[in-house]
Amino acid sequence: MFHKVIAASGSGINSWSIKSREQSSKFSMNLASLLGASEDEITDATKRMQFLRKADPGTMCERSYQVVGEEVSVYHYPTPGKC
């Protein structure tokens, strides 16, 4: 019946799933900083994305929690140590 479908619950129009360009940029800059990116990698969007693509997924998950803080518990994101 289904072919090449990823099933997931939720909606793309939930308030937590919609972020402005500024919010997304700020999040990625904060995450890159916590992961140890250089100032140049943090401020340049292309270099920032290249840096984040190479980052360790487990470490990225842990640091993501630090960036979003208390919002995590509201939206049921993974908690530290459970990424």
C-alpha atoms as a PDB file:
ATOM      1  CA  MET A   1       0.000   0.000   0.000  1.00  0.00           C
ATOM      2  CA  PHE A   2       2.784   2.459   0.908  1.00  0.00           C
ATOM      3  CA  HIS A   3       6.032   2.777  -0.971  1.00  0.00           C
ATOM      4  CA  LYS A   4       8.939   4.874   0.287  1.00  0.00           C
ATOM      5  CA  VAL A   5       6.946   6.672   2.961  1.00  0.00           C
ATOM      6  CA  ILE A   6       8.155   7.853   6.334  1.00  0.00           C
ATOM      7  CA  ALA A   7       5.320   7.728   8.810  1.00  0.00           C
ATOM      8  CA  ALA A   8       5.412  10.081  11.754  1.00  0.00           C
ATOM      9  CA  SER A   9       2.845  11.508  14.072  1.00  0.00           C
ATOM     10  CA  GLY A  10       2.318  15.213  14.425  1.00  0.00           C
ATOM     11  CA  SER A  11       1.725  18.034  12.048  1.00  0.00           C
ATOM     12  CA  GLY A  12       3.958  20.370  10.106  1.00  0.00           C
ATOM     13  CA  ILE A  13       1.817  23.276  11.258  1.00  0.00           C
ATOM     14  CA  ASN A  14       2.345  22.755  14.994  1.00  0.00           C
ATOM     15  CA  SER A  15       3.703  25.884  16.647  1.00  0.00           C
ATOM     16  CA  TRP A  16       6.947  24.111  17.625  1.00  0.00           C
ATOM     17  CA  SER A  17       7.608  23.024  14.040  1.00  0.00           C
ATOM     18  CA  ILE A  18       7.421  26.478  12.481  1.00  0.00           C
ATOM     19  CA  LYS A  19      10.444  28.703  12.997  1.00  0.00           C
ATOM     20  CA  SER A  20      11.319  31.969  11.312  1.00  0.00           C
ATOM     21  CA  ARG A  21      14.518  32.320   9.329  1.00  0.00           C
ATOM     22  CA  GLU A  22      15.965  34.382  12.174  1.00  0.00           C
ATOM     23  CA  GLN A  23      15.058  31.751  14.779  1.00  0.00           C
ATOM     24  CA  SER A  24      16.552  28.969  12.666  1.00  0.00           C
ATOM     25  CA  SER A  25      19.721  30.943  12.042  1.00  0.00           C
ATOM     26  CA  LYS A  26      20.115  31.801  15.733  1.00  0.00           C
ATOM     27  CA  PHE A  27      19.598  28.148  16.695  1.00  0.00           C
ATOM     28  CA  SER A  28      22.184  26.894  14.200  1.00  0.00           C
ATOM     29  CA  MET A  29      24.689  29.562  15.280  1.00  0.00           C
ATOM     30  CA  ASN A  30      24.260  28.660  18.951  1.00  0.00           C
ATOM     31  CA  LEU A  31      24.540  24.958  18.178  1.00  0.00           C
ATOM     32  CA  ALA A  32      27.676  25.437  16.071  1.00  0.00           C
ATOM     33  CA  SER A  33      29.212  27.496  18.873  1.00  0.00           C
ATOM     34  CA  LEU A  34      28.503  24.787  21.461  1.00  0.00           C
ATOM     35  CA  LEU A  35      30.026  22.198  19.130  1.00  0.00           C
ATOM     36  CA  GLY A  36      33.280  24.163  18.912  1.00  0.00           C
ATOM     37  CA  ALA A  37      32.986  25.920  15.558  1.00  0.00           C
ATOM     38  CA  SER A  38      35.336  28.801  14.812  1.00  0.00           C
ATOM     39  CA  GLU A  39      33.979  32.352  14.685  1.00  0.00           C
ATOM     40  CA  ASP A  40      34.148  32.217  10.874  1.00  0.00           C
ATOM     41  CA  GLU A  41      32.178  28.951  10.801  1.00  0.00           C
ATOM     42  CA  ILE A  42      29.567  30.429  13.119  1.00  0.00           C
ATOM     43  CA  THR A  43      28.984  33.681  11.230  1.00  0.00           C
ATOM     44  CA  ASP A  44      29.156  32.370   7.644  1.00  0.00           C
ATOM     45  CA  ALA A  45      25.972  30.380   6.882  1.00  0.00           C
ATOM     46  CA  THR A  46      27.593  28.130   4.257  1.00  0.00           C
ATOM     47  CA  LYS A  47      30.554  27.294   6.471  1.00  0.00           C
ATOM     48  CA  ARG A  48      28.202  26.778   9.424  1.00  0.00           C
ATOM     49  CA  MET A  49      26.137  24.218   7.521  1.00  0.00           C
ATOM     50  CA  GLN A  50      29.294  22.416   6.360  1.00  0.00           C
ATOM     51  CA  PHE A  51      30.495  22.309   9.968  1.00  0.00           C
ATOM     52  CA  LEU A  52      27.158  21.013  11.277  1.00  0.00           C
ATOM     53  CA  ARG A  53      26.955  18.320   8.586  1.00  0.00           C
ATOM     54  CA  LYS A  54      30.272  16.909   9.824  1.00  0.00           C
ATOM     55  CA  ALA A  55      29.384  17.061  13.523  1.00  0.00           C
ATOM     56  CA  ASP A  56      28.878  13.898  15.559  1.00  0.00           C
ATOM     57  CA  PRO A  57      25.104  13.192  15.711  1.00  0.00           C
ATOM     58  CA  GLY A  58      25.143  12.167  19.376  1.00  0.00           C
ATOM     59  CA  THR A  59      27.030  15.276  20.442  1.00  0.00           C
ATOM     60  CA  MET A  60      24.761  17.404  18.271  1.00  0.00           C
ATOM     61  CA  CYS A  61      21.715  15.932  19.978  1.00  0.00           C
ATOM     62  CA  GLU A  62      23.164  16.647  23.422  1.00  0.00           C
ATOM     63  CA  ARG A  63      24.074  20.233  22.520  1.00  0.00           C
ATOM     64  CA  SER A  64      20.690  20.821  20.871  1.00  0.00           C
ATOM     65  CA  TYR A  65      19.128  20.284  24.274  1.00  0.00           C
ATOM     66  CA  GLN A  66      21.311  23.047  25.690  1.00  0.00           C
ATOM     67  CA  VAL A  67      20.254  25.429  22.913  1.00  0.00           C
ATOM     68  CA  VAL A  68      16.509  24.948  23.324  1.00  0.00           C
ATOM     69  CA  GLY A  69      16.633  24.617  27.113  1.00  0.00           C
ATOM     70  CA  GLU A  70      13.305  24.312  28.862  1.00  0.00           C
ATOM     71  CA  GLU A  71      11.422  24.194  25.560  1.00  0.00           C
ATOM     72  CA  VAL A  72      12.613  20.592  25.352  1.00  0.00           C
ATOM     73  CA  SER A  73      10.417  19.390  28.186  1.00  0.00           C
ATOM     74  CA  VAL A  74       7.386  21.112  26.687  1.00  0.00           C
ATOM     75  CA  TYR A  75       7.753  19.495  23.278  1.00  0.00           C
ATOM     76  CA  HIS A  76       9.108  16.126  24.407  1.00  0.00           C
ATOM     77  CA  TYR A  77      12.486  16.277  22.702  1.00  0.00           C
ATOM     78  CA  PRO A  78      15.076  13.721  23.807  1.00  0.00           C
ATOM     79  CA  THR A  79      16.627  14.538  27.149  1.00  0.00           C
ATOM     80  CA  PRO A  80      20.390  14.607  27.707  1.00  0.00           C
ATOM     81  CA  GLY A  81      21.905  11.162  27.810  1.00  0.00           C
ATOM     82  CA  LYS A  82      19.027   9.709  25.803  1.00  0.00           C
ATOM     83  CA  CYS A  83      19.938  10.899  22.327  1.00  0.00           C
END
